[in-house]
């Protein structure tokens, strides 16, 4: 999108939220705690994890408004800071991964 919209003066940035109390994470966790399979064959089962450390959505809304109102925001904004640290670590591990590890 960045390259496609650049000629029109449109800036593209991303805002990546961590875990906020919106119900989205709860639904995802509930669906992961199901047996997925066909007939007798079971594909996967994920145990339920308690989601007791979700943030107030108002914090994310405030962060998004800040990105929108900034003249030159960074391309990627991950919020809260603890989520940014996790994303940076996960992406660094992916970039370093070798084909044999896939």
N, C-alpha and C. Protein backbone atom coordinates (compact mmCIF):
# COMPACT_ATOMS: atom_id res chain seq x y z
N UNK A 1 0.82 -1.19 0.00
CA UNK A 1 0.00 0.00 0.00
C UNK A 1 0.86 1.26 0.00
N UNK A 2 1.97 1.20 0.72
CA UNK A 2 2.85 2.36 0.80
C UNK A 2 3.27 2.82 -0.59
N UNK A 3 3.76 1.90 -1.39
CA UNK A 3 4.24 2.25 -2.73
C UNK A 3 3.09 2.66 -3.65
N UNK A 4 1.95 2.00 -3.52
CA UNK A 4 0.80 2.31 -4.38
C UNK A 4 0.22 3.69 -4.10
N UNK A 5 0.20 4.09 -2.84
CA UNK A 5 -0.45 5.35 -2.46
C UNK A 5 0.50 6.54 -2.37
N UNK A 6 1.79 6.28 -2.36
CA UNK A 6 2.79 7.34 -2.26
C UNK A 6 2.62 8.42 -3.33
N UNK A 7 2.38 8.06 -4.61
CA UNK A 7 2.22 9.09 -5.64
C UNK A 7 1.04 10.04 -5.39
N UNK A 8 0.09 9.62 -4.56
CA UNK A 8 -1.09 10.43 -4.27
C UNK A 8 -0.95 11.21 -2.97
N UNK A 9 0.24 11.14 -2.36
CA UNK A 9 0.48 11.86 -1.11
C UNK A 9 -0.15 11.23 0.11
N UNK A 10 -0.49 9.95 0.00
CA UNK A 10 -1.10 9.25 1.13
C UNK A 10 -0.01 8.48 1.88
N UNK A 11 0.11 8.76 3.17
CA UNK A 11 1.07 8.06 4.01
C UNK A 11 0.39 6.82 4.60
N UNK A 12 1.09 5.72 4.64
CA UNK A 12 0.56 4.49 5.20
C UNK A 12 1.39 4.11 6.42
N UNK A 13 0.73 3.90 7.53
CA UNK A 13 1.37 3.45 8.75
C UNK A 13 0.53 2.32 9.34
N UNK A 14 1.11 1.58 10.27
CA UNK A 14 0.37 0.50 10.91
C UNK A 14 0.30 0.74 12.41
N UNK A 15 -0.77 0.30 12.99
CA UNK A 15 -0.95 0.33 14.44
C UNK A 15 -1.30 -1.08 14.84
N UNK A 16 -0.43 -1.70 15.63
CA UNK A 16 -0.62 -3.09 16.04
C UNK A 16 -0.92 -3.14 17.54
N UNK A 17 -2.18 -3.48 17.89
CA UNK A 17 -2.54 -3.53 19.31
C UNK A 17 -2.13 -4.84 19.96
N UNK A 18 -1.78 -4.74 21.23
CA UNK A 18 -1.55 -5.93 22.03
C UNK A 18 -2.91 -6.45 22.52
N UNK A 19 -2.91 -7.02 23.72
CA UNK A 19 -4.15 -7.59 24.27
C UNK A 19 -4.95 -6.52 25.01
N UNK A 20 -6.10 -6.18 24.46
CA UNK A 20 -7.00 -5.20 25.07
C UNK A 20 -8.36 -5.85 25.32
N UNK A 21 -9.07 -5.37 26.32
CA UNK A 21 -10.37 -5.94 26.70
C UNK A 21 -11.45 -5.51 25.71
N UNK A 22 -11.44 -6.12 24.54
CA UNK A 22 -12.47 -5.83 23.54
C UNK A 22 -13.34 -7.05 23.25
N UNK A 23 -12.95 -8.21 23.77
CA UNK A 23 -13.66 -9.45 23.47
C UNK A 23 -13.00 -10.23 22.35
N UNK A 24 -12.18 -9.56 21.54
CA UNK A 24 -11.52 -10.21 20.40
C UNK A 24 -10.61 -11.34 20.87
N UNK A 25 -9.77 -11.06 21.86
CA UNK A 25 -8.85 -12.08 22.36
C UNK A 25 -9.59 -13.22 23.04
N UNK A 26 -10.66 -12.89 23.77
CA UNK A 26 -11.45 -13.92 24.44
C UNK A 26 -12.03 -14.90 23.44
N UNK A 27 -12.59 -14.38 22.35
CA UNK A 27 -13.18 -15.23 21.32
C UNK A 27 -12.12 -16.12 20.69
N UNK A 28 -10.94 -15.54 20.43
CA UNK A 28 -9.85 -16.33 19.85
C UNK A 28 -9.43 -17.46 20.75
N UNK A 29 -9.32 -17.18 22.04
CA UNK A 29 -8.91 -18.22 23.00
C UNK A 29 -9.98 -19.29 23.14
N UNK A 30 -11.24 -18.89 23.12
CA UNK A 30 -12.32 -19.87 23.22
C UNK A 30 -12.30 -20.81 22.02
N UNK A 31 -12.07 -20.26 20.83
CA UNK A 31 -12.08 -21.11 19.65
C UNK A 31 -10.86 -22.02 19.61
N UNK A 32 -9.74 -21.59 20.24
CA UNK A 32 -8.55 -22.43 20.28
C UNK A 32 -8.74 -23.61 21.23
N UNK A 33 -9.67 -23.48 22.17
CA UNK A 33 -9.89 -24.55 23.14
C UNK A 33 -10.95 -25.52 22.65
N UNK A 34 -10.88 -25.87 21.40
CA UNK A 34 -11.80 -26.85 20.82
C UNK A 34 -10.99 -27.92 20.10
N UNK A 35 -11.55 -29.05 20.00
CA UNK A 35 -10.90 -30.11 19.23
C UNK A 35 -11.26 -29.89 17.77
N UNK A 36 -10.25 -29.82 16.92
CA UNK A 36 -10.48 -29.65 15.50
C UNK A 36 -10.10 -30.95 14.81
N UNK A 37 -11.00 -31.51 14.04
CA UNK A 37 -10.68 -32.76 13.36
C UNK A 37 -11.84 -33.26 12.53
N UNK A 38 -11.60 -34.36 11.87
CA UNK A 38 -12.61 -35.01 11.06
C UNK A 38 -12.77 -36.43 11.55
N UNK A 39 -13.98 -36.78 11.91
CA UNK A 39 -14.22 -38.15 12.36
C UNK A 39 -13.37 -38.50 13.56
N UNK A 40 -12.61 -39.58 13.44
CA UNK A 40 -11.78 -40.06 14.54
C UNK A 40 -10.45 -39.32 14.65
N UNK A 41 -10.06 -38.62 13.61
CA UNK A 41 -8.75 -37.97 13.58
C UNK A 41 -8.80 -36.58 14.22
N UNK A 42 -8.00 -36.36 15.22
CA UNK A 42 -7.94 -35.07 15.91
C UNK A 42 -6.72 -34.31 15.40
N UNK A 43 -6.93 -33.07 15.03
CA UNK A 43 -5.83 -32.26 14.50
C UNK A 43 -5.09 -31.52 15.61
N UNK A 44 -5.78 -30.83 16.49
CA UNK A 44 -5.09 -30.06 17.52
C UNK A 44 -6.02 -29.76 18.68
N UNK A 45 -5.44 -29.52 19.82
CA UNK A 45 -6.18 -29.08 20.99
C UNK A 45 -5.32 -28.07 21.73
N UNK A 46 -5.89 -26.93 22.05
CA UNK A 46 -5.17 -25.89 22.77
C UNK A 46 -5.86 -25.68 24.11
N UNK A 47 -5.13 -25.70 25.21
CA UNK A 47 -5.76 -25.47 26.51
C UNK A 47 -6.17 -24.01 26.68
N UNK A 48 -7.20 -23.80 27.46
CA UNK A 48 -7.67 -22.44 27.74
C UNK A 48 -6.62 -21.73 28.59
N UNK A 49 -6.32 -20.51 28.21
CA UNK A 49 -5.42 -19.67 29.02
C UNK A 49 -6.23 -18.50 29.54
N UNK A 50 -6.05 -18.21 30.80
CA UNK A 50 -6.79 -17.12 31.41
C UNK A 50 -6.27 -15.78 30.89
N UNK A 51 -7.19 -14.94 30.46
CA UNK A 51 -6.83 -13.63 29.91
C UNK A 51 -7.07 -12.56 30.98
N UNK A 52 -6.20 -12.54 31.97
CA UNK A 52 -6.40 -11.62 33.08
C UNK A 52 -5.44 -10.42 33.04
N UNK A 53 -4.71 -10.27 31.94
CA UNK A 53 -3.76 -9.16 31.85
C UNK A 53 -4.04 -8.29 30.63
N UNK A 54 -5.29 -8.18 30.24
CA UNK A 54 -5.64 -7.35 29.09
C UNK A 54 -5.72 -5.88 29.53
N UNK A 55 -5.42 -5.01 28.58
CA UNK A 55 -5.39 -3.57 28.86
C UNK A 55 -6.72 -2.92 28.55
N UNK A 56 -6.91 -1.74 29.10
CA UNK A 56 -8.11 -0.93 28.85
C UNK A 56 -8.08 -0.43 27.40
N UNK A 57 -9.13 -0.68 26.61
CA UNK A 57 -9.16 -0.23 25.21
C UNK A 57 -8.96 1.27 25.05
N UNK A 58 -9.30 2.06 26.06
CA UNK A 58 -9.12 3.52 25.97
C UNK A 58 -7.65 3.87 25.76
N UNK A 59 -6.74 3.06 26.31
CA UNK A 59 -5.30 3.30 26.11
C UNK A 59 -4.93 3.17 24.64
N UNK A 60 -5.48 2.16 23.97
CA UNK A 60 -5.17 1.93 22.56
C UNK A 60 -5.79 3.02 21.70
N UNK A 61 -6.99 3.43 22.04
CA UNK A 61 -7.65 4.51 21.29
C UNK A 61 -6.81 5.78 21.38
N UNK A 62 -6.32 6.08 22.56
CA UNK A 62 -5.48 7.26 22.75
C UNK A 62 -4.19 7.14 21.93
N UNK A 63 -3.60 5.95 21.90
CA UNK A 63 -2.37 5.74 21.12
C UNK A 63 -2.65 5.92 19.62
N UNK A 64 -3.79 5.41 19.14
CA UNK A 64 -4.13 5.56 17.71
C UNK A 64 -4.35 7.03 17.35
N UNK A 65 -5.03 7.76 18.22
CA UNK A 65 -5.25 9.18 17.97
C UNK A 65 -3.90 9.89 17.90
N UNK A 66 -2.99 9.52 18.77
CA UNK A 66 -1.66 10.11 18.75
C UNK A 66 -0.95 9.87 17.43
N UNK A 67 -1.07 8.66 16.88
CA UNK A 67 -0.45 8.34 15.59
C UNK A 67 -1.10 9.19 14.49
N UNK A 68 -2.40 9.29 14.51
CA UNK A 68 -3.13 10.04 13.48
C UNK A 68 -2.76 11.51 13.51
N UNK A 69 -2.62 12.06 14.70
CA UNK A 69 -2.37 13.50 14.83
C UNK A 69 -0.89 13.88 14.67
N UNK A 70 0.00 12.91 14.63
CA UNK A 70 1.43 13.18 14.48
C UNK A 70 1.75 13.47 13.02
N UNK A 71 2.55 14.51 12.78
CA UNK A 71 2.91 14.86 11.41
C UNK A 71 3.70 13.76 10.70
N UNK A 72 4.66 13.18 11.38
CA UNK A 72 5.48 12.13 10.78
C UNK A 72 5.56 10.95 11.74
N UNK A 73 4.50 10.15 11.81
CA UNK A 73 4.51 9.01 12.74
C UNK A 73 5.44 7.91 12.23
N UNK A 74 5.88 7.03 13.12
CA UNK A 74 6.68 5.90 12.67
C UNK A 74 5.80 4.97 11.82
N UNK A 75 6.42 4.19 10.95
CA UNK A 75 5.64 3.27 10.12
C UNK A 75 4.86 2.30 10.99
N UNK A 76 5.51 1.74 12.00
CA UNK A 76 4.83 0.75 12.84
C UNK A 76 4.76 1.24 14.27
N UNK A 77 3.56 1.18 14.82
CA UNK A 77 3.34 1.48 16.23
C UNK A 77 2.72 0.25 16.86
N UNK A 78 3.41 -0.34 17.81
CA UNK A 78 2.89 -1.48 18.57
C UNK A 78 2.67 -0.98 19.99
N UNK A 79 1.49 -1.25 20.51
CA UNK A 79 1.15 -0.75 21.82
C UNK A 79 0.43 -1.83 22.61
N UNK A 80 0.71 -2.01 23.88
CA UNK A 80 1.61 -1.29 24.76
C UNK A 80 3.07 -1.68 24.52
N UNK A 81 3.96 -1.01 25.24
CA UNK A 81 5.40 -1.24 25.07
C UNK A 81 5.77 -2.71 25.28
N UNK A 82 5.11 -3.38 26.19
CA UNK A 82 5.42 -4.80 26.44
C UNK A 82 5.11 -5.64 25.20
N UNK A 83 4.08 -5.27 24.45
CA UNK A 83 3.76 -5.99 23.22
C UNK A 83 4.80 -5.70 22.15
N UNK A 84 5.30 -4.47 22.12
CA UNK A 84 6.33 -4.13 21.14
C UNK A 84 7.58 -4.96 21.35
N UNK A 85 7.99 -5.12 22.60
CA UNK A 85 9.17 -5.93 22.91
C UNK A 85 8.97 -7.36 22.42
N UNK A 86 7.77 -7.92 22.65
CA UNK A 86 7.48 -9.29 22.23
C UNK A 86 7.51 -9.41 20.71
N UNK A 87 6.90 -8.47 20.00
CA UNK A 87 6.87 -8.50 18.54
C UNK A 87 8.28 -8.40 17.96
N UNK A 88 9.08 -7.49 18.50
CA UNK A 88 10.46 -7.34 18.02
C UNK A 88 11.24 -8.64 18.18
N UNK A 89 11.08 -9.29 19.33
CA UNK A 89 11.79 -10.55 19.59
C UNK A 89 11.32 -11.64 18.62
N UNK A 90 10.00 -11.79 18.47
CA UNK A 90 9.46 -12.82 17.58
C UNK A 90 9.89 -12.59 16.14
N UNK A 91 9.85 -11.34 15.69
CA UNK A 91 10.24 -11.06 14.32
C UNK A 91 11.73 -11.26 14.11
N UNK A 92 12.55 -10.92 15.10
CA UNK A 92 13.99 -11.15 14.97
C UNK A 92 14.27 -12.64 14.84
N UNK A 93 13.57 -13.45 15.61
CA UNK A 93 13.76 -14.90 15.53
C UNK A 93 13.34 -15.44 14.17
N UNK A 94 12.26 -14.91 13.61
CA UNK A 94 11.80 -15.35 12.29
C UNK A 94 12.81 -14.96 11.21
N UNK A 95 13.33 -13.72 11.28
CA UNK A 95 14.30 -13.26 10.27
C UNK A 95 15.58 -14.06 10.31
N UNK A 96 15.95 -14.55 11.49
CA UNK A 96 17.18 -15.33 11.63
C UNK A 96 16.99 -16.81 11.34
N UNK A 97 15.76 -17.27 11.27
CA UNK A 97 15.48 -18.70 11.11
C UNK A 97 16.00 -19.22 9.78
N UNK A 98 16.53 -20.40 9.81
CA UNK A 98 17.06 -21.06 8.62
C UNK A 98 15.97 -21.98 8.03
N UNK A 99 16.09 -22.28 6.75
CA UNK A 99 15.10 -23.11 6.06
C UNK A 99 14.89 -24.45 6.76
N UNK A 100 15.94 -25.04 7.31
CA UNK A 100 15.82 -26.33 7.96
C UNK A 100 14.99 -26.27 9.23
N UNK A 101 14.75 -25.06 9.76
CA UNK A 101 13.99 -24.88 10.98
C UNK A 101 12.49 -24.68 10.72
N UNK A 102 12.11 -24.63 9.47
CA UNK A 102 10.71 -24.35 9.13
C UNK A 102 9.88 -25.60 9.25
